[in-house]
Amino acid sequence: MSGRVLLPCGRYARTPYRVQIIGRNVYCMEELCYTIAQCAAFLDERIREEELLKWLDAECGLPDLARQLRPLLKRKGGLADFCGVILLYTGYRTSEEIQSILEEIRHSRGMEPFERQVAEARFTAGRGRLNQAQEQLDAVLNSLPGPEKELRARIWKEKGILYTDIFRFENAAVCFGNAWKLVRDPQYGRFYLTCLKLTATEEELQRQLLDSRELQALYPRVLEDLEEAGKMYELGPKGRRMKQLRRNLGEGRMRTFDHALSEQVRERKENYRQSCAGLD
């Protein structure tokens, strides 16, 4: 415990302010500061608007803060200064934390627009909104110049990773395969082969290997990684639960088996519901 006592700043708003960049409603200064810190890597000018100042004045009862911010609305390159006034006024973070957040905002201003869009998609995926994140990455792909291979391959890899998070390995294989075709990065190749190993027939897998000596060279490493992952799963909590299920079934303890299986199904349904709903 740091020993810091945090006091509310202003009123709790009846009408929220909509943070457009992530589609979130905030009701108080602390929530606004939390959002600024969370989105520092891809924050943009959408937060520096007159509507926010009106909300601070009318809903939060902070006209003095609104007056301090108004001269910063039109200042070019002043996004970090604008956010800094909000963070310092609220006192929600320590001075060191605020400086770190502002440095991240300044760094993000030097990023290419495509880089910020990818960072935004990662944030969206982290909130469980995987379909929305895929759409954001598709928008980046569609807007990239045709000759751009490196970034295009990276985005295909990002899309593949999102599919693996929901066990859609066939879709992931397509994405990693597209990344591999663009850039012969060993990581892309291993990811591609791993998903093929999990979904394709042995005949299809061998056909892909015969067409590429580079993939042939990567395949032994893929087999080692899969074997290691299997061992880690068996030793982990989920693996132990599966062993217990098999033991209960084999020993005829059906009531115990049914109860444990129902619990696992319930957990998976809940996880799936949250991933679809995008709950914070």
Protein backbone atom coordinates (compact mmCIF):
# COMPACT_ATOMS: atom_id res chain seq x y z
CA MET A 1 0.00 0.00 0.00
CA SER A 2 1.34 3.43 -0.96
CA GLY A 3 -0.56 5.29 1.77
CA ARG A 4 -2.04 7.77 -0.73
CA VAL A 5 -5.64 8.86 -0.13
CA LEU A 6 -7.51 9.64 -3.34
CA LEU A 7 -10.36 12.12 -3.02
CA PRO A 8 -13.02 12.52 -5.73
CA CYS A 9 -12.51 15.44 -8.08
CA GLY A 10 -15.74 17.17 -9.10
CA ARG A 11 -19.20 15.61 -9.30
CA TYR A 12 -20.27 12.24 -10.62
CA ALA A 13 -21.94 13.07 -13.94
CA ARG A 14 -25.54 12.21 -14.68
CA THR A 15 -24.79 12.29 -18.40
CA PRO A 16 -21.53 10.56 -19.40
CA TYR A 17 -18.85 11.82 -21.74
CA ARG A 18 -18.29 9.50 -24.70
CA VAL A 19 -14.61 8.77 -25.38
CA GLN A 20 -14.97 8.24 -29.12
CA ILE A 21 -11.65 6.53 -29.76
CA ILE A 22 -12.68 3.44 -27.78
CA GLY A 23 -16.45 3.90 -27.56
CA ARG A 24 -16.49 4.18 -23.75
CA ASN A 25 -18.72 6.29 -21.50
CA VAL A 26 -17.04 7.92 -18.51
CA TYR A 27 -18.93 9.45 -15.58
CA CYS A 28 -16.22 11.13 -13.50
CA MET A 29 -12.74 12.59 -13.66
CA GLU A 30 -11.13 9.46 -12.27
CA GLU A 31 -12.65 7.37 -15.08
CA LEU A 32 -11.47 9.94 -17.63
CA CYS A 33 -7.92 9.86 -16.24
CA TYR A 34 -7.92 6.06 -16.21
CA THR A 35 -8.99 6.05 -19.87
CA ILE A 36 -6.31 8.57 -20.87
CA ALA A 37 -3.65 6.39 -19.23
CA GLN A 38 -5.04 3.21 -20.78
CA CYS A 39 -5.17 4.68 -24.30
CA ALA A 40 -1.95 6.71 -24.19
CA ALA A 41 -0.30 4.61 -26.92
CA PHE A 42 -2.86 5.62 -29.55
CA LEU A 43 -4.69 8.65 -28.16
CA ASP A 44 -5.56 11.22 -30.83
CA GLU A 45 -7.24 14.59 -31.31
CA ARG A 46 -10.75 13.21 -30.84
CA ILE A 47 -10.45 13.80 -27.09
CA ARG A 48 -9.36 17.43 -27.48
CA GLU A 49 -12.77 18.94 -28.18
CA GLU A 50 -15.20 21.55 -26.94
CA GLU A 51 -17.72 18.89 -25.93
CA LEU A 52 -15.33 17.57 -23.27
CA LEU A 53 -14.93 21.08 -21.80
CA LYS A 54 -18.70 21.56 -21.69
CA TRP A 55 -19.04 18.21 -19.92
CA LEU A 56 -16.38 19.12 -17.34
CA ASP A 57 -18.17 22.39 -16.62
CA ALA A 58 -21.82 21.32 -16.64
CA GLU A 59 -21.68 17.69 -15.49
CA CYS A 60 -18.60 17.53 -13.27
CA GLY A 61 -18.82 21.03 -11.80
CA LEU A 62 -15.27 21.93 -12.84
CA PRO A 63 -15.48 25.28 -14.70
CA ASP A 64 -11.97 26.22 -13.60
CA LEU A 65 -10.50 23.14 -15.30
CA ALA A 66 -12.54 23.84 -18.44
CA ARG A 67 -11.13 27.41 -18.53
CA GLN A 68 -7.57 26.11 -18.20
CA LEU A 69 -8.07 23.67 -21.08
CA ARG A 70 -9.81 25.99 -23.55
CA PRO A 71 -6.63 27.79 -24.77
CA LEU A 72 -5.12 24.37 -25.53
CA LEU A 73 -7.88 23.27 -27.88
CA LYS A 74 -6.32 24.71 -31.02
CA ARG A 75 -2.64 24.44 -30.13
CA LYS A 76 -0.93 22.21 -32.67
CA GLY A 77 0.96 19.28 -31.20
CA GLY A 78 -0.39 20.03 -27.74
CA LEU A 79 -2.27 16.80 -27.03
CA ALA A 80 0.14 15.78 -24.24
CA ASP A 81 -0.15 19.26 -22.66
CA PHE A 82 -3.94 19.03 -22.82
CA CYS A 83 -4.00 15.61 -21.14
CA GLY A 84 -1.34 16.70 -18.67
CA VAL A 85 -3.55 19.50 -17.34
CA ILE A 86 -6.37 16.99 -16.76
CA LEU A 87 -4.13 14.46 -15.02
CA LEU A 88 -2.40 17.02 -12.82
CA TYR A 89 -5.64 18.76 -11.86
CA THR A 90 -7.29 15.49 -10.84
CA GLY A 91 -4.26 14.13 -8.95
CA TYR A 92 -5.32 10.58 -9.79
CA ARG A 93 -1.72 9.50 -10.49
CA THR A 94 1.67 10.27 -8.97
CA SER A 95 3.91 12.81 -10.69
CA GLU A 96 6.15 10.02 -11.98
CA GLU A 97 3.19 8.10 -13.41
CA ILE A 98 1.81 11.22 -15.07
CA GLN A 99 5.15 11.95 -16.72
CA SER A 100 5.31 8.39 -18.00
CA ILE A 101 1.78 8.66 -19.47
CA LEU A 102 2.61 11.98 -21.15
CA GLU A 103 5.81 10.57 -22.62
CA GLU A 104 3.81 7.71 -24.10
CA ILE A 105 1.34 10.18 -25.62
CA ARG A 106 4.19 12.24 -27.10
CA HIS A 107 5.78 9.08 -28.51
CA SER A 108 2.49 8.03 -30.09
CA ARG A 109 2.29 11.37 -31.91
CA GLY A 110 5.43 10.38 -33.80
CA MET A 111 4.00 7.03 -34.85
CA GLU A 112 2.73 6.48 -38.34
CA PRO A 113 -1.09 6.46 -38.58
CA PHE A 114 -0.98 2.76 -39.42
CA GLU A 115 0.97 2.01 -36.25
CA ARG A 116 -1.58 3.85 -34.13
CA GLN A 117 -4.41 1.93 -35.81
CA VAL A 118 -2.72 -1.38 -35.01
CA ALA A 119 -2.24 -0.28 -31.38
CA GLU A 120 -5.92 0.64 -31.23
CA ALA A 121 -6.89 -2.79 -32.61
CA ARG A 122 -4.77 -4.50 -29.95
CA PHE A 123 -6.56 -2.52 -27.28
CA THR A 124 -9.94 -3.47 -28.74
CA ALA A 125 -8.94 -7.14 -28.75
CA GLY A 126 -7.78 -6.86 -25.15
CA ARG A 127 -11.31 -5.83 -24.20
CA GLY A 128 -12.67 -9.01 -25.79
CA ARG A 129 -14.03 -7.32 -28.92
CA LEU A 130 -12.23 -9.62 -31.33
CA ASN A 131 -14.53 -9.14 -34.30
CA GLN A 132 -14.21 -5.37 -34.03
CA ALA A 133 -10.43 -5.69 -33.77
CA GLN A 134 -10.38 -7.82 -36.95
CA GLU A 135 -12.39 -5.15 -38.75
CA GLN A 136 -9.93 -2.48 -37.59
CA LEU A 137 -7.00 -4.51 -38.91
CA ASP A 138 -8.82 -5.14 -42.20
CA ALA A 139 -9.27 -1.38 -42.55
CA VAL A 140 -5.51 -0.92 -42.14
CA LEU A 141 -4.81 -3.60 -44.76
CA ASN A 142 -7.18 -1.95 -47.22
CA SER A 143 -5.57 1.45 -46.75
CA LEU A 144 -1.94 0.33 -47.11
CA PRO A 145 -0.09 0.96 -50.37
CA GLY A 146 0.24 -2.17 -52.49
CA PRO A 147 4.08 -2.41 -52.36
CA GLU A 148 4.12 -2.20 -48.54
CA LYS A 149 5.09 -5.74 -47.51
CA GLU A 150 6.62 -5.51 -44.03
CA LEU A 151 3.72 -3.78 -42.31
CA ARG A 152 1.15 -5.76 -44.30
CA ALA A 153 2.78 -9.00 -43.11
CA ARG A 154 2.77 -7.77 -39.50
CA ILE A 155 -0.94 -7.02 -39.70
CA TRP A 156 -1.68 -10.47 -41.13
CA LYS A 157 0.25 -11.89 -38.17
CA GLU A 158 -1.82 -9.78 -35.75
CA LYS A 159 -5.00 -11.09 -37.36
CA GLY A 160 -3.76 -14.66 -37.03
CA ILE A 161 -2.98 -14.22 -33.35
CA LEU A 162 -6.51 -12.92 -32.73
CA TYR A 163 -7.93 -16.05 -34.37
CA THR A 164 -5.76 -18.33 -32.24
CA ASP A 165 -7.14 -16.62 -29.14
CA ILE A 166 -10.56 -18.09 -29.99
CA PHE A 167 -9.15 -21.40 -31.31
CA ARG A 168 -10.01 -20.70 -34.95
CA PHE A 169 -6.79 -22.22 -36.19
CA GLU A 170 -7.91 -22.67 -39.79
CA ASN A 171 -8.51 -18.92 -40.12
CA ALA A 172 -5.24 -18.28 -38.31
CA ALA A 173 -3.39 -20.53 -40.76
CA VAL A 174 -4.64 -18.41 -43.67
CA CYS A 175 -3.47 -15.22 -41.96
CA PHE A 176 -0.05 -16.56 -41.02
CA GLY A 177 0.29 -18.04 -44.51
CA ASN A 178 -0.36 -14.62 -46.04
CA ALA A 179 2.26 -13.09 -43.73
CA TRP A 180 4.77 -15.80 -44.71
CA LYS A 181 4.17 -15.24 -48.44
CA LEU A 182 4.93 -11.55 -48.03
CA VAL A 183 7.96 -11.80 -45.75
CA ARG A 184 9.94 -14.98 -45.13
CA ASP A 185 10.20 -14.37 -41.41
CA PRO A 186 10.83 -17.66 -39.51
CA GLN A 187 8.26 -16.65 -36.88
CA TYR A 188 5.54 -16.34 -39.50
CA GLY A 189 6.55 -19.70 -40.93
CA ARG A 190 6.43 -21.45 -37.55
CA PHE A 191 3.05 -19.95 -36.74
CA TYR A 192 1.75 -21.03 -40.15
CA LEU A 193 3.00 -24.60 -39.78
CA THR A 194 1.69 -24.89 -36.23
CA CYS A 195 -1.84 -24.00 -37.33
CA LEU A 196 -1.59 -26.35 -40.30
CA LYS A 197 -0.46 -29.16 -38.00
CA LEU A 198 -3.50 -28.54 -35.79
CA THR A 199 -6.08 -28.37 -38.60
CA ALA A 200 -4.87 -29.77 -41.94
CA THR A 201 -4.69 -33.41 -43.02
CA GLU A 202 -1.26 -35.00 -43.08
CA GLU A 203 -1.44 -35.05 -46.88
CA GLU A 204 -2.13 -31.31 -47.05
CA LEU A 205 0.65 -30.59 -44.57
CA GLN A 206 3.18 -32.65 -46.49
CA ARG A 207 2.19 -30.92 -49.71
CA GLN A 208 3.01 -27.55 -48.16
CA LEU A 209 6.33 -28.84 -46.89
CA LEU A 210 7.31 -30.29 -50.26
CA ASP A 211 6.75 -26.89 -51.88
CA SER A 212 9.15 -25.06 -49.56
CA ARG A 213 12.56 -26.02 -48.25
CA GLU A 214 12.37 -23.10 -45.84
CA LEU A 215 9.25 -24.56 -44.24
CA GLN A 216 10.88 -27.99 -44.12
CA ALA A 217 13.74 -26.49 -42.11
CA LEU A 218 11.30 -24.92 -39.64
CA TYR A 219 9.10 -28.00 -39.18
CA PRO A 220 11.24 -29.86 -36.57
CA ARG A 221 11.14 -26.75 -34.34
CA VAL A 222 7.35 -26.65 -34.70
CA LEU A 223 7.05 -30.28 -33.58
CA GLU A 224 9.26 -29.56 -30.57
CA ASP A 225 7.15 -26.52 -29.63
CA LEU A 226 3.91 -28.50 -29.88
CA GLU A 227 5.31 -31.30 -27.75
CA GLU A 228 6.48 -28.83 -25.12
CA ALA A 229 3.10 -27.07 -25.16
CA GLY A 230 1.35 -30.41 -24.65
CA LYS A 231 3.51 -31.18 -21.63
CA MET A 232 2.89 -27.74 -20.12
CA TYR A 233 -0.86 -28.20 -20.60
CA GLU A 234 -0.83 -31.61 -18.93
CA LEU A 235 1.02 -30.20 -15.93
CA GLY A 236 -1.15 -27.09 -15.68
CA PRO A 237 -4.50 -26.69 -13.87
CA LYS A 238 -6.58 -27.33 -16.99
CA GLY A 239 -4.64 -30.47 -17.80
CA ARG A 240 -5.06 -31.75 -14.25
CA ARG A 241 -8.79 -31.11 -14.42
CA MET A 242 -9.05 -33.10 -17.65
CA LYS A 243 -7.14 -35.98 -16.03
CA GLN A 244 -9.56 -35.92 -13.12
CA LEU A 245 -12.51 -35.99 -15.51
CA ARG A 246 -11.09 -39.03 -17.29
CA ARG A 247 -10.42 -40.73 -13.96
CA ASN A 248 -13.99 -40.11 -12.72
CA LEU A 249 -15.41 -41.42 -15.97
CA GLY A 250 -13.19 -44.50 -15.96
CA GLU A 251 -14.08 -45.34 -12.36
CA GLY A 252 -17.80 -44.90 -12.94
CA ARG A 253 -18.25 -41.88 -10.62
CA MET A 254 -20.84 -40.36 -12.91
CA ARG A 255 -22.32 -37.83 -10.48
CA THR A 256 -18.90 -36.33 -9.80
CA PHE A 257 -18.07 -36.46 -13.50
CA ASP A 258 -21.31 -34.73 -14.52
CA HIS A 259 -20.85 -31.98 -11.92
CA ALA A 260 -17.23 -31.25 -12.93
CA LEU A 261 -18.10 -31.33 -16.63
CA SER A 262 -21.01 -28.93 -16.09
CA GLU A 263 -18.69 -26.51 -14.30
CA GLN A 264 -16.22 -26.55 -17.19
CA VAL A 265 -18.98 -26.01 -19.74
CA ARG A 266 -20.35 -23.12 -17.67
CA GLU A 267 -16.91 -21.47 -17.48
CA ARG A 268 -16.39 -21.80 -21.23
CA LYS A 269 -19.83 -20.38 -21.98
CA GLU A 270 -19.11 -17.42 -19.73
CA ASN A 271 -15.71 -16.81 -21.34
CA TYR A 272 -17.28 -16.99 -24.79
CA ARG A 273 -20.10 -14.64 -23.77
CA GLN A 274 -17.64 -12.07 -22.49
CA SER A 275 -15.47 -12.33 -25.61
CA CYS A 276 -18.53 -11.68 -27.79
CA ALA A 277 -19.90 -8.88 -25.63
CA GLY A 278 -16.52 -7.14 -25.23
CA LEU A 279 -16.94 -6.63 -21.50
CA ASP A 280 -14.27 -4.53 -19.76
